[in-house]
Amino acid sequence: MGTTVHETRLPGGQTSLLAEVVDSSLSSVSAEPQFLRRLTNVNIQVVQLRDSIRTNDFIQCRSHGMMINITVPVQMGTKALFACPSVPPTKAVLITWVITLRGQPPCIVSFKVKTKEINETSCVDRRIVWVFTPDQNPHLQINAVALDHDRHYSCQITTSDGNFYARWDLQVLVPPAVTLFPGKSRTAVCEVTAGKPAAQIFWTPDGECKTMNESHSNGTVTVRSTWQWEKSNVSAVFCLVTHSNGSEILSIELNQGVTSMSLHSLLTILYVKLSLWGIILFIVGFVFFQKRNYFR
């Protein structure tokens, strides 16, 4: 004995169950006119019910408790904003922030909407503040991001419909100091000091290069690249440094491993020196002749 069930949900929450019992072992029953008429009526009702349902009658099943995870790169010294999930304030019951900073216990800040009560646990960094009052806007902000603000910021809003989460992974960008100087034995050194994240170094013209990274306790990285040229006719070398804060190109003129000045620069220096000596000699001579005339 087999049972075929047709279930259709009607507008307004009503449900229509259309069931027909069919004995698959009795093939002769399917030939009876009465059964055929009943089966035809069932199919007509199913088609009519399906045609009467509109698209607007369906309700999307929303998933509660989903985590929104966003990575935010922010340059050190600028402002950072952390937003909670988009939930109407009238539906919020409890707003909780969990702030995890480097080398510190998690800071937990909770706000009870009904009583407007704020509770804090292990929160010592007063640079992290509310944008407004939490009942108006539950977002947090840092006016001037520091290196130790690098970590995670999580917001949970509890409502009668469930919990809503948002997590912000803050990556503090530190612009490095870039220098290029001549090394020993036909080499040039490009050094990118205390940047975050680590910078990348490229050279031109072609040569042999060796790059080393040095990590510091505060999360910054110093990258030092040494470039060596083989051809003796290399007159200048260029170092390209790429970083999240931007790119920079440095160049240096080479003369067997040391910086060299152009002929124009040498002539300028020589002219200035000769002019100074001429002025000094004129002053000394003028004083000498003045004294000589005075004693006469």
Protein backbone atom coordinates (compact mmCIF):
# COMPACT_ATOMS: atom_id res chain seq x y z
CA MET A 1 0.00 0.00 0.00
CA GLY A 2 1.55 3.39 -1.03
CA THR A 3 0.54 6.92 -0.07
CA THR A 4 1.09 10.03 -2.21
CA VAL A 5 0.90 13.30 -0.26
CA HIS A 6 0.59 16.77 -1.81
CA GLU A 7 1.22 19.59 0.70
CA THR A 8 0.58 23.21 -0.23
CA ARG A 9 0.88 26.19 2.15
CA LEU A 10 -1.77 28.81 1.49
CA PRO A 11 -1.60 32.56 2.16
CA GLY A 12 -2.42 33.29 5.77
CA GLY A 13 -0.66 30.20 7.12
CA GLN A 14 -3.27 27.60 6.11
CA THR A 15 -2.08 24.26 4.85
CA SER A 16 -3.79 21.94 2.42
CA LEU A 17 -2.92 18.27 2.51
CA LEU A 18 -4.01 16.27 -0.52
CA ALA A 19 -3.38 12.57 -0.09
CA GLU A 20 -4.23 9.66 -2.27
CA VAL A 21 -3.76 6.03 -1.31
CA VAL A 22 -2.71 3.79 -4.13
CA ASP A 23 -2.26 0.07 -3.94
CA SER A 24 0.56 -0.59 -6.37
CA SER A 25 -0.02 -4.32 -6.20
CA LEU A 26 -3.52 -4.05 -7.68
CA SER A 27 -2.98 -2.92 -11.22
CA SER A 28 -6.64 -3.53 -12.06
CA VAL A 29 -7.78 -0.78 -9.66
CA SER A 30 -6.10 1.93 -11.71
CA ALA A 31 -8.36 1.07 -14.60
CA GLU A 32 -11.56 1.77 -12.73
CA PRO A 33 -13.34 4.90 -13.97
CA GLN A 34 -14.21 6.05 -10.43
CA PHE A 35 -10.56 6.02 -9.34
CA LEU A 36 -9.49 7.87 -12.46
CA ARG A 37 -12.05 10.58 -11.81
CA ARG A 38 -10.86 10.98 -8.20
CA LEU A 39 -7.23 11.14 -9.28
CA THR A 40 -8.05 13.75 -11.93
CA ASN A 41 -9.88 15.87 -9.35
CA VAL A 42 -6.87 15.71 -7.03
CA ASN A 43 -4.48 16.91 -9.74
CA ILE A 44 -6.83 19.76 -10.70
CA GLN A 45 -7.02 20.93 -7.07
CA VAL A 46 -3.23 20.84 -6.72
CA VAL A 47 -2.77 22.89 -9.89
CA GLN A 48 -5.40 25.42 -8.78
CA LEU A 49 -3.82 25.83 -5.35
CA ARG A 50 -0.34 26.30 -6.79
CA ASP A 51 -1.59 28.88 -9.29
CA SER A 52 -3.29 30.85 -6.50
CA ILE A 53 -0.05 31.32 -4.56
CA ARG A 54 1.82 34.52 -5.35
CA THR A 55 5.54 35.15 -5.01
CA ASN A 56 4.92 37.71 -2.26
CA ASP A 57 3.25 35.01 -0.16
CA PHE A 58 6.63 33.33 0.46
CA ILE A 59 8.72 34.40 3.44
CA GLN A 60 12.51 34.08 3.35
CA CYS A 61 13.97 32.07 6.20
CA ARG A 62 16.61 34.31 7.78
CA SER A 63 19.60 32.77 9.51
CA HIS A 64 20.37 34.28 12.90
CA GLY A 65 23.75 34.25 14.59
CA MET A 66 25.81 34.74 11.42
CA MET A 67 29.26 36.28 11.84
CA ILE A 68 30.30 39.25 9.70
CA ASN A 69 34.11 39.28 9.55
CA ILE A 70 35.82 42.34 8.04
CA THR A 71 39.56 43.07 7.78
CA VAL A 72 40.38 46.79 7.99
CA PRO A 73 43.86 48.20 7.18
CA VAL A 74 44.32 51.60 8.85
CA GLN A 75 47.44 53.77 8.79
CA MET A 76 48.91 54.61 12.16
CA GLY A 77 47.78 57.99 13.47
CA THR A 78 44.49 58.07 11.55
CA LYS A 79 40.92 57.39 12.71
CA ALA A 80 39.31 53.94 12.83
CA LEU A 81 35.58 53.18 13.10
CA PHE A 82 34.06 49.85 14.16
CA ALA A 83 30.36 49.31 13.48
CA CYS A 84 27.92 46.86 15.02
CA PRO A 85 25.51 44.81 12.89
CA SER A 86 22.67 46.77 11.33
CA VAL A 87 19.88 46.14 13.85
CA PRO A 88 17.12 48.65 14.75
CA PRO A 89 17.83 50.10 18.22
CA THR A 90 14.29 49.31 19.32
CA LYS A 91 14.94 45.59 18.86
CA ALA A 92 18.25 45.48 20.72
CA VAL A 93 18.25 44.09 24.25
CA LEU A 94 21.98 43.85 24.98
CA ILE A 95 25.03 45.22 23.11
CA THR A 96 28.40 43.65 23.89
CA TRP A 97 31.84 44.59 22.60
CA VAL A 98 34.84 42.26 23.03
CA ILE A 99 38.18 43.95 22.29
CA THR A 100 41.28 41.77 22.07
CA LEU A 101 44.53 43.73 22.00
CA ARG A 102 48.10 42.47 21.80
CA GLY A 103 49.43 41.22 25.14
CA GLN A 104 46.32 42.19 27.12
CA PRO A 105 43.29 40.29 28.45
CA PRO A 106 40.07 40.75 26.45
CA CYS A 107 38.20 43.95 27.23
CA ILE A 108 34.43 43.36 27.50
CA VAL A 109 31.98 46.26 27.37
CA SER A 110 28.25 45.54 27.69
CA PHE A 111 25.31 47.94 27.41
CA LYS A 112 21.81 47.06 28.60
CA VAL A 113 19.39 48.97 26.41
CA LYS A 114 16.45 48.94 28.82
CA THR A 115 18.32 50.24 31.87
CA LYS A 116 21.10 52.04 29.91
CA GLU A 117 23.63 50.35 32.19
CA ILE A 118 27.25 50.01 31.01
CA ASN A 119 29.56 47.36 32.46
CA GLU A 120 33.29 47.04 31.68
CA THR A 121 35.71 44.21 32.38
CA SER A 122 39.50 44.50 31.92
CA CYS A 123 39.23 47.71 29.87
CA VAL A 124 42.19 50.05 30.35
CA ASP A 125 42.64 51.72 26.95
CA ARG A 126 40.63 54.96 27.11
CA ARG A 127 41.52 55.86 23.53
CA ILE A 128 38.75 53.51 22.36
CA VAL A 129 35.47 55.39 22.80
CA TRP A 130 31.83 55.35 21.76
CA VAL A 131 30.99 57.38 18.65
CA PHE A 132 27.96 58.79 20.51
CA THR A 133 26.04 57.41 23.46
CA PRO A 134 25.48 53.65 22.97
CA ASP A 135 21.69 54.00 23.00
CA GLN A 136 21.95 56.27 19.94
CA ASN A 137 24.87 54.60 18.17
CA PRO A 138 26.67 51.46 19.44
CA HIS A 139 29.72 51.96 17.19
CA LEU A 140 33.24 52.44 18.55
CA GLN A 141 36.06 54.58 17.24
CA ILE A 142 39.75 55.36 17.76
CA ASN A 143 40.69 58.93 16.93
CA ALA A 144 44.41 58.22 16.45
CA VAL A 145 45.27 54.57 15.84
CA ALA A 146 48.45 53.35 17.56
CA LEU A 147 50.50 50.27 16.87
CA ASP A 148 49.16 48.46 19.95
CA HIS A 149 45.57 48.76 18.63
CA ASP A 150 46.30 46.01 16.12
CA ARG A 151 43.94 43.06 16.84
CA HIS A 152 40.24 42.08 16.96
CA TYR A 153 37.06 44.03 17.74
CA SER A 154 33.81 42.04 18.01
CA CYS A 155 30.27 43.37 18.50
CA GLN A 156 27.28 41.23 19.48
CA ILE A 157 23.72 42.54 19.54
CA THR A 158 21.19 40.40 21.37
CA THR A 159 17.55 40.70 20.26
CA SER A 160 14.36 38.72 20.75
CA ASP A 161 14.96 37.27 17.27
CA GLY A 162 18.48 36.04 18.02
CA ASN A 163 22.08 37.25 18.18
CA PHE A 164 23.88 39.24 15.50
CA TYR A 165 27.67 39.44 15.28
CA ALA A 166 30.29 41.61 13.57
CA ARG A 167 34.04 41.18 13.92
CA TRP A 168 36.64 43.69 12.78
CA ASP A 169 40.26 42.63 12.31
CA LEU A 170 42.28 45.83 12.55
CA GLN A 171 45.62 45.87 10.73
CA VAL A 172 47.68 48.92 11.66
CA LEU A 173 49.90 50.09 8.80
CA VAL A 174 53.22 51.67 9.74
CA PRO A 175 55.07 53.61 7.02
CA PRO A 176 58.76 52.65 7.05
CA ALA A 177 61.88 54.78 6.70
CA VAL A 178 63.71 54.08 3.43
CA THR A 179 67.43 54.61 2.82
CA LEU A 180 69.82 53.70 -0.01
CA PHE A 181 73.58 53.83 0.46
CA PRO A 182 76.72 52.32 -1.09
CA GLY A 183 78.17 49.18 0.45
CA LYS A 184 81.49 47.41 0.22
CA SER A 185 82.93 45.55 -2.77
CA ARG A 186 80.74 46.99 -5.52
CA THR A 187 77.46 46.75 -3.63
CA ALA A 188 74.51 49.00 -2.78
CA VAL A 189 72.22 48.55 0.23
CA CYS A 190 68.52 49.45 0.33
CA GLU A 191 67.11 49.41 3.84
CA VAL A 192 63.42 49.73 4.79
CA THR A 193 63.24 50.24 8.55
CA ALA A 194 60.38 49.42 10.96
CA GLY A 195 57.48 49.03 8.54
CA LYS A 196 54.26 47.09 8.95
CA PRO A 197 53.63 44.91 7.06
CA ALA A 198 57.02 44.02 5.59
CA ALA A 199 57.95 45.95 2.45
CA GLN A 200 59.19 44.48 -0.83
CA ILE A 201 62.37 45.63 -2.59
CA PHE A 202 63.16 45.50 -6.31
CA TRP A 203 66.36 46.50 -8.15
CA THR A 204 67.42 47.71 -11.57
CA PRO A 205 69.63 47.13 -13.53
CA ASP A 206 70.06 43.39 -13.22
CA GLY A 207 72.46 42.08 -10.64
CA GLU A 208 72.76 39.73 -7.70
CA CYS A 209 70.77 40.67 -4.63
CA LYS A 210 70.28 39.23 -1.16
CA THR A 211 67.37 40.27 1.08
CA MET A 212 66.97 39.70 4.83
CA ASN A 213 64.01 40.43 7.13
CA GLU A 214 64.34 41.37 10.78
CA SER A 215 61.15 41.20 12.88
CA HIS A 216 60.76 43.47 15.91
CA SER A 217 58.81 42.91 19.12
CA ASN A 218 56.24 45.60 18.25
CA GLY A 219 55.21 43.83 15.05
CA THR A 220 57.20 45.94 12.61
CA VAL A 221 59.75 44.51 10.17
CA THR A 222 63.04 45.87 8.82
CA VAL A 223 63.94 44.68 5.32
CA ARG A 224 67.55 45.01 4.14
CA SER A 225 68.51 44.18 0.56
CA THR A 226 72.09 44.17 -0.77
CA TRP A 227 72.61 44.47 -4.52
CA GLN A 228 75.89 43.66 -6.27
CA TRP A 229 76.73 44.45 -9.86
CA GLU A 230 79.14 42.57 -12.10
CA LYS A 231 79.68 44.98 -14.97
CA SER A 232 82.11 47.84 -14.43
CA ASN A 233 80.15 50.23 -16.61
CA VAL A 234 77.22 50.54 -14.15
CA SER A 235 76.90 54.22 -13.31
CA ALA A 236 73.63 54.26 -11.31
CA VAL A 237 71.34 51.84 -9.52
CA PHE A 238 67.64 52.18 -8.66
CA CYS A 239 65.80 50.68 -5.69
CA LEU A 240 61.99 50.32 -5.81
CA VAL A 241 60.25 49.88 -2.44
CA THR A 242 56.60 48.83 -2.37
CA HIS A 243 54.52 48.99 0.80
CA SER A 244 50.87 49.13 1.79
CA ASN A 245 51.32 52.88 2.37
CA GLY A 246 52.67 53.41 -1.15
CA SER A 247 55.75 53.03 -3.33
CA GLU A 248 59.06 54.88 -3.44
CA ILE A 249 61.99 54.85 -5.88
CA LEU A 250 65.52 55.75 -4.77
CA SER A 251 68.63 56.05 -6.92
CA ILE A 252 72.33 56.36 -6.30
CA GLU A 253 75.29 57.11 -8.58
CA LEU A 254 78.14 54.67 -8.31
CA ASN A 255 81.91 54.98 -8.69
CA GLN A 256 83.53 51.80 -7.46
CA GLY A 257 81.18 51.51 -4.58
CA VAL A 258 81.00 55.16 -3.52
CA THR A 259 78.72 57.99 -4.50
CA SER A 260 80.15 60.35 -7.12
CA MET A 261 79.43 63.99 -7.84
CA SER A 262 78.84 65.40 -11.30
CA LEU A 263 81.31 67.82 -12.94
CA HIS A 264 78.80 70.63 -12.63
CA SER A 265 78.59 70.10 -8.86
CA LEU A 266 82.38 70.13 -8.50
CA LEU A 267 82.71 73.37 -10.49
CA THR A 268 80.00 74.99 -8.38
CA ILE A 269 81.78 74.09 -5.15
CA LEU A 270 85.13 75.32 -6.53
CA TYR A 271 83.56 78.64 -7.60
CA VAL A 272 82.03 79.19 -4.15
CA LYS A 273 85.32 78.46 -2.40
CA LEU A 274 87.29 80.81 -4.64
CA SER A 275 84.71 83.55 -4.12
CA LEU A 276 84.98 83.21 -0.35
CA TRP A 277 88.75 83.34 -0.48
CA GLY A 278 88.58 86.46 -2.66
CA ILE A 279 86.27 88.20 -0.22
CA ILE A 280 88.51 87.30 2.71
CA LEU A 281 91.64 88.59 0.95
CA PHE A 282 89.88 91.83 0.05
CA ILE A 283 88.85 92.43 3.68
CA VAL A 284 92.33 91.65 5.01
CA GLY A 285 93.94 93.92 2.44
CA PHE A 286 91.53 96.75 3.15
CA VAL A 287 92.18 96.56 6.91
CA PHE A 288 95.94 96.45 6.34
CA PHE A 289 95.97 99.58 4.21
CA GLN A 290 93.68 101.43 6.64
CA LYS A 291 96.06 100.75 9.52
CA ARG A 292 99.05 101.76 7.43
CA ASN A 293 97.53 105.11 6.53
CA TYR A 294 96.54 105.71 10.16
CA PHE A 295 100.07 105.33 11.53
CA ARG A 296 101.42 107.71 8.94
